[in-house]
Amino acid sequence: MDDRAQIEHAEGRLRASMLASDVATLDALLSPDLIFTNQVGVRLDKGDDLGAHQSGLLRIEQLDPIEPPLIRLLGDSAVVCVTVQLSGSYDAQPFSGTFAYTRCWHRLPGDQWRIEAAHCSPVVRP
């Protein structure tokens, strides 16, 4: 599988694991040193992200890309930008909207890709 196909596959695994709150798969896809800036500007680490899924605090019901992701390959790294329609609940409070994600993936030996940094922003349409 070429690099682009590996990233597309990893993105698919990420989407499926977020929808299922599959903490084991998320654990494999997220770097131990993950930096995630959420839609309100709060920086979270891997433990925060996994904990929200594991506890049931975060439940994602819909995570549908609006358009194909933009993928930029940079040697052993890749940047992915994707806009999604997202809905679910956080602390039993429903949410939904359109969000833009940027993820920085890094390849480890053995062609294992992990997310090192990610950012989420709401998409506001005029």
Protein backbone atom coordinates (compact mmCIF):
# COMPACT_ATOMS: atom_id res chain seq x y z
CA MET A 1 0.00 0.00 0.00
CA ASP A 2 1.41 3.43 -0.90
CA ASP A 3 1.60 6.31 1.61
CA ARG A 4 -1.63 7.98 0.47
CA ALA A 5 -3.54 4.71 0.76
CA GLN A 6 -2.07 4.12 4.23
CA ILE A 7 -3.26 7.56 5.39
CA GLU A 8 -6.71 7.04 3.85
CA HIS A 9 -6.91 3.68 5.64
CA ALA A 10 -5.77 5.24 8.96
CA GLU A 11 -8.35 8.03 8.59
CA GLY A 12 -11.04 5.39 8.00
CA ARG A 13 -9.98 3.50 11.12
CA LEU A 14 -10.01 6.76 13.08
CA ARG A 15 -13.55 7.60 11.95
CA ALA A 16 -14.85 4.10 12.77
CA SER A 17 -13.17 4.08 16.19
CA MET A 18 -14.55 7.53 17.07
CA LEU A 19 -18.09 6.44 16.14
CA ALA A 20 -17.76 3.23 18.18
CA SER A 21 -15.78 4.80 21.06
CA ASP A 22 -13.27 2.02 20.38
CA VAL A 23 -10.63 3.07 22.89
CA ALA A 24 -8.19 0.29 21.94
CA THR A 25 -8.04 1.41 18.30
CA LEU A 26 -7.91 5.08 19.27
CA ASP A 27 -5.03 4.25 21.62
CA ALA A 28 -3.12 2.71 18.70
CA LEU A 29 -3.80 5.68 16.40
CA LEU A 30 -2.99 8.50 18.83
CA SER A 31 0.54 9.42 19.78
CA PRO A 32 1.35 9.25 23.50
CA ASP A 33 2.27 12.94 23.15
CA LEU A 34 -0.90 13.96 21.29
CA ILE A 35 -1.87 17.63 21.33
CA PHE A 36 -5.52 18.15 20.37
CA THR A 37 -7.06 21.61 20.27
CA ASN A 38 -10.82 21.24 20.34
CA GLN A 39 -13.52 23.44 18.82
CA VAL A 40 -13.50 25.90 21.74
CA GLY A 41 -9.71 26.22 21.87
CA VAL A 42 -9.03 23.89 24.80
CA ARG A 43 -5.89 21.78 24.49
CA LEU A 44 -6.36 18.15 25.35
CA ASP A 45 -3.95 15.24 25.55
CA LYS A 46 -4.33 11.59 24.69
CA GLY A 47 -5.63 10.70 28.14
CA ASP A 48 -8.32 13.36 27.93
CA ASP A 49 -9.47 12.12 24.53
CA LEU A 50 -9.46 8.43 25.45
CA GLY A 51 -11.10 9.14 28.81
CA ALA A 52 -14.01 11.00 27.21
CA HIS A 53 -14.73 8.00 24.98
CA GLN A 54 -14.15 5.37 27.65
CA SER A 55 -16.37 7.04 30.25
CA GLY A 56 -19.22 7.69 27.84
CA LEU A 57 -18.87 11.45 28.39
CA LEU A 58 -18.46 11.81 24.59
CA ARG A 59 -20.74 9.96 22.21
CA ILE A 60 -20.42 10.53 18.47
CA GLU A 61 -23.43 9.49 16.41
CA GLN A 62 -22.58 11.06 13.06
CA LEU A 63 -19.16 11.81 11.56
CA ASP A 64 -19.64 12.22 7.83
CA PRO A 65 -17.08 13.90 5.58
CA ILE A 66 -18.64 16.61 3.44
CA GLU A 67 -15.92 16.35 0.80
CA PRO A 68 -12.85 14.19 0.23
CA PRO A 69 -10.02 14.98 2.64
CA LEU A 70 -7.03 17.01 1.52
CA ILE A 71 -3.89 14.96 2.13
CA ARG A 72 -0.38 16.41 1.97
CA LEU A 73 2.42 13.86 2.22
CA LEU A 74 5.68 15.13 3.73
CA GLY A 75 8.09 12.21 3.95
CA ASP A 76 7.32 10.36 7.18
CA SER A 77 4.56 12.84 8.01
CA ALA A 78 1.22 13.79 6.51
CA VAL A 79 -1.24 16.59 7.06
CA VAL A 80 -4.92 15.84 6.57
CA CYS A 81 -7.67 18.46 6.38
CA VAL A 82 -11.27 17.31 6.35
CA THR A 83 -14.64 18.96 6.89
CA VAL A 84 -17.32 16.83 8.51
CA GLN A 85 -20.92 16.92 9.61
CA LEU A 86 -20.73 15.88 13.25
CA SER A 87 -23.39 15.13 15.85
CA GLY A 88 -23.54 13.41 19.19
CA SER A 89 -23.51 14.37 22.84
CA TYR A 90 -21.02 15.55 25.43
CA ASP A 91 -21.96 15.14 29.09
CA ALA A 92 -25.48 14.23 27.92
CA GLN A 93 -25.81 17.56 26.06
CA PRO A 94 -26.49 17.15 22.34
CA PHE A 95 -24.34 18.89 19.75
CA SER A 96 -24.24 19.03 15.98
CA GLY A 97 -22.59 21.10 13.32
CA THR A 98 -20.05 21.33 10.59
CA PHE A 99 -16.43 21.14 11.74
CA ALA A 100 -13.05 21.40 10.04
CA TYR A 101 -10.30 19.10 11.31
CA THR A 102 -6.57 19.30 10.65
CA ARG A 103 -4.50 16.30 11.70
CA CYS A 104 -0.74 15.76 11.61
CA TRP A 105 0.20 12.11 11.19
CA HIS A 106 3.69 10.68 11.69
CA ARG A 107 4.94 7.32 10.43
CA LEU A 108 6.70 5.06 12.89
CA PRO A 109 8.87 2.10 11.89
CA GLY A 110 6.78 -0.67 10.37
CA ASP A 111 4.49 1.77 8.53
CA GLN A 112 2.42 2.49 11.64
CA TRP A 113 0.90 5.99 11.48
CA ARG A 114 -0.04 7.99 14.58
CA ILE A 115 -1.66 11.37 15.08
CA GLU A 116 0.75 13.77 16.76
CA ALA A 117 -1.41 16.91 16.67
CA ALA A 118 -4.97 17.79 15.70
CA HIS A 119 -7.17 20.84 15.61
CA CYS A 120 -10.93 21.22 15.28
CA SER A 121 -12.81 24.39 14.35
CA PRO A 122 -16.51 25.02 13.79
CA VAL A 123 -17.34 26.00 10.23
CA VAL A 124 -19.41 29.16 10.23
CA ARG A 125 -21.20 29.88 7.00
CA PRO A 126 -22.23 33.51 6.33
